[in-house]
Amino acid sequence: MNFTQKTEDLSDKQQLRAALKQEVTELRSWYELALKQRGRTTVGLSGLDMETIVDFNGAFFDGISPNPPKDLSPAFTLNFAVDDLKAYYYDAVVAQPGNKAPDSAVLDNRFWQDTAASKILFEIKENCLKSDDKMLQLLGKILLIPMAQAKQREK
């Protein structure tokens, strides 16, 4: 799947959120194939379904700190929801029929350079850094975006 063509020139938040929803929808069959093939998934840390994860991340993208659906802080829930979103993409891409599974560096680069999800996560990072919540600040500073990807984007 070529994400680059779909996310170029997206600047409007509504368009970017729509692109994220489209990516998640398009990956669903491959994700389900991965689940069937392996009998397990790395998605599930947050305990949220993918639609809720997309909406929860979308709220942070919009600069809103939503109430988490569980008894966790917004920072913990966001961290888990971001991990689940990335795992969903990675599981789906690895299961693509006819392709050799990419190594982790290729997988990371495809996700962080080519997806609407990554563009949203970089914006969420900035919103977390501006938050009054110290846990969200910490999340934005060191946990949301791998350092290598943050440095690569700065270039």
C-alpha atoms as a PDB file:
ATOM      1  CA  MET A   1       0.000   0.000   0.000  1.00  0.00           C
ATOM      2  CA  ASN A   2       1.390   3.383  -0.974  1.00  0.00           C
ATOM      3  CA  PHE A   3       0.440   5.899   1.694  1.00  0.00           C
ATOM      4  CA  THR A   4       2.465   8.755   0.227  1.00  0.00           C
ATOM      5  CA  GLN A   5       0.064   9.486  -2.607  1.00  0.00           C
ATOM      6  CA  LYS A   6      -2.832   9.866  -0.225  1.00  0.00           C
ATOM      7  CA  THR A   7      -1.220  12.158   2.327  1.00  0.00           C
ATOM      8  CA  GLU A   8       0.747  14.602   0.188  1.00  0.00           C
ATOM      9  CA  ASP A   9      -0.381  18.199   0.469  1.00  0.00           C
ATOM     10  CA  LEU A  10      -2.770  17.522   3.330  1.00  0.00           C
ATOM     11  CA  SER A  11      -2.836  20.458   5.656  1.00  0.00           C
ATOM     12  CA  ASP A  12      -6.441  20.821   6.690  1.00  0.00           C
ATOM     13  CA  LYS A  13      -7.191  18.967   9.914  1.00  0.00           C
ATOM     14  CA  GLN A  14     -10.487  17.570   8.660  1.00  0.00           C
ATOM     15  CA  GLN A  15      -8.823  16.199   5.535  1.00  0.00           C
ATOM     16  CA  LEU A  16      -6.036  14.652   7.567  1.00  0.00           C
ATOM     17  CA  ARG A  17      -8.471  13.029  10.000  1.00  0.00           C
ATOM     18  CA  ALA A  18     -10.449  11.690   7.026  1.00  0.00           C
ATOM     19  CA  ALA A  19      -7.220  10.316   5.553  1.00  0.00           C
ATOM     20  CA  LEU A  20      -6.480   8.537   8.845  1.00  0.00           C
ATOM     21  CA  LYS A  21      -9.933   6.964   8.888  1.00  0.00           C
ATOM     22  CA  GLN A  22      -9.470   5.892   5.270  1.00  0.00           C
ATOM     23  CA  GLU A  23      -6.084   4.332   6.012  1.00  0.00           C
ATOM     24  CA  VAL A  24      -7.477   2.398   8.968  1.00  0.00           C
ATOM     25  CA  THR A  25     -10.404   1.194   6.866  1.00  0.00           C
ATOM     26  CA  GLU A  26      -8.155   0.137   3.985  1.00  0.00           C
ATOM     27  CA  LEU A  27      -5.835  -1.751   6.335  1.00  0.00           C
ATOM     28  CA  ARG A  28      -8.668  -3.606   8.077  1.00  0.00           C
ATOM     29  CA  SER A  29      -8.689  -6.640   5.756  1.00  0.00           C
ATOM     30  CA  TRP A  30      -4.911  -7.047   6.023  1.00  0.00           C
ATOM     31  CA  TYR A  31      -5.074  -6.629   9.784  1.00  0.00           C
ATOM     32  CA  GLU A  32      -7.749  -9.319   9.974  1.00  0.00           C
ATOM     33  CA  LEU A  33      -5.595 -11.536   7.741  1.00  0.00           C
ATOM     34  CA  ALA A  34      -2.647 -11.028  10.110  1.00  0.00           C
ATOM     35  CA  LEU A  35      -4.828 -11.946  13.052  1.00  0.00           C
ATOM     36  CA  LYS A  36      -6.063 -15.079  11.288  1.00  0.00           C
ATOM     37  CA  GLN A  37      -2.567 -16.133  10.178  1.00  0.00           C
ATOM     38  CA  ARG A  38      -0.873 -15.574  13.523  1.00  0.00           C
ATOM     39  CA  GLY A  39      -3.781 -16.212  15.843  1.00  0.00           C
ATOM     40  CA  ARG A  40      -2.811 -13.162  17.881  1.00  0.00           C
ATOM     41  CA  THR A  41      -2.241  -9.454  17.601  1.00  0.00           C
ATOM     42  CA  THR A  42      -0.144  -6.807  19.243  1.00  0.00           C
ATOM     43  CA  VAL A  43      -3.157  -4.476  19.305  1.00  0.00           C
ATOM     44  CA  GLY A  44      -5.150  -4.272  22.516  1.00  0.00           C
ATOM     45  CA  LEU A  45      -3.105  -2.489  25.144  1.00  0.00           C
ATOM     46  CA  SER A  46      -5.634   0.337  25.370  1.00  0.00           C
ATOM     47  CA  GLY A  47      -8.649  -1.979  25.468  1.00  0.00           C
ATOM     48  CA  LEU A  48     -10.309   0.264  22.873  1.00  0.00           C
ATOM     49  CA  ASP A  49     -11.633  -0.701  19.454  1.00  0.00           C
ATOM     50  CA  MET A  50      -9.928   0.881  16.446  1.00  0.00           C
ATOM     51  CA  GLU A  51     -12.724   3.360  15.755  1.00  0.00           C
ATOM     52  CA  THR A  52     -12.498   4.648  19.331  1.00  0.00           C
ATOM     53  CA  ILE A  53      -8.705   4.797  19.081  1.00  0.00           C
ATOM     54  CA  VAL A  54      -8.942   6.902  15.922  1.00  0.00           C
ATOM     55  CA  ASP A  55     -11.464   9.236  17.572  1.00  0.00           C
ATOM     56  CA  PHE A  56      -9.479   9.458  20.830  1.00  0.00           C
ATOM     57  CA  ASN A  57      -6.256  10.291  18.970  1.00  0.00           C
ATOM     58  CA  GLY A  58      -8.240  12.701  16.799  1.00  0.00           C
ATOM     59  CA  ALA A  59      -9.353  14.643  19.856  1.00  0.00           C
ATOM     60  CA  PHE A  60      -5.730  15.134  20.941  1.00  0.00           C
ATOM     61  CA  PHE A  61      -4.902  16.101  17.347  1.00  0.00           C
ATOM     62  CA  ASP A  62      -7.555  18.812  17.644  1.00  0.00           C
ATOM     63  CA  GLY A  63      -5.951  20.000  20.898  1.00  0.00           C
ATOM     64  CA  ILE A  64      -8.650  18.574  23.150  1.00  0.00           C
ATOM     65  CA  SER A  65      -7.770  16.306  26.065  1.00  0.00           C
ATOM     66  CA  PRO A  66     -10.748  13.930  26.149  1.00  0.00           C
ATOM     67  CA  ASN A  67     -11.855  11.974  29.151  1.00  0.00           C
ATOM     68  CA  PRO A  68     -10.445   8.480  28.824  1.00  0.00           C
ATOM     69  CA  PRO A  69     -12.995   5.701  28.544  1.00  0.00           C
ATOM     70  CA  LYS A  70     -11.340   3.817  31.415  1.00  0.00           C
ATOM     71  CA  ASP A  71     -10.050   4.712  34.851  1.00  0.00           C
ATOM     72  CA  LEU A  72      -6.689   5.747  33.413  1.00  0.00           C
ATOM     73  CA  SER A  73      -5.301   9.215  32.979  1.00  0.00           C
ATOM     74  CA  PRO A  74      -5.552  10.852  29.563  1.00  0.00           C
ATOM     75  CA  ALA A  75      -1.767  10.464  29.168  1.00  0.00           C
ATOM     76  CA  PHE A  76      -1.768   6.708  29.837  1.00  0.00           C
ATOM     77  CA  THR A  77      -4.768   6.147  27.603  1.00  0.00           C
ATOM     78  CA  LEU A  78      -3.231   8.236  24.822  1.00  0.00           C
ATOM     79  CA  ASN A  79       0.050   6.354  25.089  1.00  0.00           C
ATOM     80  CA  PHE A  80      -1.744   3.003  24.869  1.00  0.00           C
ATOM     81  CA  ALA A  81      -4.013   4.208  22.044  1.00  0.00           C
ATOM     82  CA  VAL A  82      -1.012   5.401  20.024  1.00  0.00           C
ATOM     83  CA  ASP A  83       0.753   2.070  20.583  1.00  0.00           C
ATOM     84  CA  ASP A  84      -2.366   0.234  19.412  1.00  0.00           C
ATOM     85  CA  LEU A  85      -2.677   2.410  16.316  1.00  0.00           C
ATOM     86  CA  LYS A  86       0.942   1.764  15.340  1.00  0.00           C
ATOM     87  CA  ALA A  87       0.577  -1.964  16.036  1.00  0.00           C
ATOM     88  CA  TYR A  88      -2.520  -2.086  13.832  1.00  0.00           C
ATOM     89  CA  TYR A  89      -0.607  -0.550  10.922  1.00  0.00           C
ATOM     90  CA  TYR A  90       2.433  -2.753  11.444  1.00  0.00           C
ATOM     91  CA  ASP A  91       0.404  -5.965  11.756  1.00  0.00           C
ATOM     92  CA  ALA A  92      -1.553  -5.090   8.601  1.00  0.00           C
ATOM     93  CA  VAL A  93       1.459  -4.165   6.485  1.00  0.00           C
ATOM     94  CA  VAL A  94       3.340  -7.328   7.445  1.00  0.00           C
ATOM     95  CA  ALA A  95       0.362  -9.475   6.393  1.00  0.00           C
ATOM     96  CA  GLN A  96       0.085  -8.023   2.875  1.00  0.00           C
ATOM     97  CA  PRO A  97      -0.167 -10.913   0.441  1.00  0.00           C
ATOM     98  CA  GLY A  98       2.564 -11.295  -2.142  1.00  0.00           C
ATOM     99  CA  ASN A  99       5.101  -9.159  -0.344  1.00  0.00           C
ATOM    100  CA  LYS A 100       8.074 -10.180   1.718  1.00  0.00           C
ATOM    101  CA  ALA A 101       7.584  -8.818   5.222  1.00  0.00           C
ATOM    102  CA  PRO A 102       9.670  -5.646   5.569  1.00  0.00           C
ATOM    103  CA  ASP A 103      12.311  -5.431   8.257  1.00  0.00           C
ATOM    104  CA  SER A 104      11.626  -3.185  11.225  1.00  0.00           C
ATOM    105  CA  ALA A 105      13.583  -0.210   9.843  1.00  0.00           C
ATOM    106  CA  VAL A 106      11.615  -0.251   6.574  1.00  0.00           C
ATOM    107  CA  LEU A 107       8.368  -0.701   8.478  1.00  0.00           C
ATOM    108  CA  ASP A 108       9.174   2.219  10.784  1.00  0.00           C
ATOM    109  CA  ASN A 109      10.147   4.473   7.894  1.00  0.00           C
ATOM    110  CA  ARG A 110       7.013   3.626   5.928  1.00  0.00           C
ATOM    111  CA  PHE A 111       4.831   4.383   8.921  1.00  0.00           C
ATOM    112  CA  TRP A 112       6.594   7.536  10.118  1.00  0.00           C
ATOM    113  CA  GLN A 113       7.254   9.048   6.695  1.00  0.00           C
ATOM    114  CA  ASP A 114       4.224   8.046   4.614  1.00  0.00           C
ATOM    115  CA  THR A 115       1.032   7.872   6.672  1.00  0.00           C
ATOM    116  CA  ALA A 116      -1.652  10.269   7.764  1.00  0.00           C
ATOM    117  CA  ALA A 117      -1.398   8.566  11.167  1.00  0.00           C
ATOM    118  CA  SER A 118       2.195   9.723  11.597  1.00  0.00           C
ATOM    119  CA  LYS A 119       1.348  13.297  10.604  1.00  0.00           C
ATOM    120  CA  ILE A 120      -1.380  13.301  13.231  1.00  0.00           C
ATOM    121  CA  LEU A 121       0.967  11.827  15.857  1.00  0.00           C
ATOM    122  CA  PHE A 122       3.558  14.536  15.243  1.00  0.00           C
ATOM    123  CA  GLU A 123       0.848  17.157  15.817  1.00  0.00           C
ATOM    124  CA  ILE A 124      -0.352  15.318  18.941  1.00  0.00           C
ATOM    125  CA  LYS A 125       3.224  15.443  20.229  1.00  0.00           C
ATOM    126  CA  GLU A 126       3.246  19.236  19.843  1.00  0.00           C
ATOM    127  CA  ASN A 127      -0.132  19.516  21.584  1.00  0.00           C
ATOM    128  CA  CYS A 128       1.132  17.381  24.467  1.00  0.00           C
ATOM    129  CA  LEU A 129       4.205  19.579  24.863  1.00  0.00           C
ATOM    130  CA  LYS A 130       1.914  22.628  25.206  1.00  0.00           C
ATOM    131  CA  SER A 131      -0.345  20.937  27.769  1.00  0.00           C
ATOM    132  CA  ASP A 132      -0.552  21.901  31.433  1.00  0.00           C
ATOM    133  CA  ASP A 133      -0.623  18.167  32.259  1.00  0.00           C
ATOM    134  CA  LYS A 134       2.917  17.090  33.213  1.00  0.00           C
ATOM    135  CA  MET A 135       2.275  13.490  32.130  1.00  0.00           C
ATOM    136  CA  LEU A 136       1.131  14.638  28.681  1.00  0.00           C
ATOM    137  CA  GLN A 137       4.239  16.825  28.449  1.00  0.00           C
ATOM    138  CA  LEU A 138       6.423  13.829  29.266  1.00  0.00           C
ATOM    139  CA  LEU A 139       4.558  11.703  26.747  1.00  0.00           C
ATOM    140  CA  GLY A 140       5.116  14.315  24.050  1.00  0.00           C
ATOM    141  CA  LYS A 141       8.739  14.788  24.960  1.00  0.00           C
ATOM    142  CA  ILE A 142       9.980  11.202  25.023  1.00  0.00           C
ATOM    143  CA  LEU A 143       7.322   8.571  24.325  1.00  0.00           C
ATOM    144  CA  LEU A 144       5.086   9.363  21.342  1.00  0.00           C
ATOM    145  CA  ILE A 145       7.644   9.656  18.566  1.00  0.00           C
ATOM    146  CA  PRO A 146      10.826   7.566  18.356  1.00  0.00           C
ATOM    147  CA  MET A 147      13.863   9.842  18.577  1.00  0.00           C
ATOM    148  CA  ALA A 148      15.261   8.618  15.248  1.00  0.00           C
ATOM    149  CA  GLN A 149      12.018   9.526  13.492  1.00  0.00           C
ATOM    150  CA  ALA A 150      11.812  12.926  15.165  1.00  0.00           C
ATOM    151  CA  LYS A 151      15.391  13.718  14.099  1.00  0.00           C
ATOM    152  CA  GLN A 152      14.736  12.497  10.567  1.00  0.00           C
ATOM    153  CA  ARG A 153      11.723  14.762  10.278  1.00  0.00           C
ATOM    154  CA  GLU A 154      13.752  17.772  11.451  1.00  0.00           C
ATOM    155  CA  LYS A 155      16.124  17.405   8.477  1.00  0.00           C
END
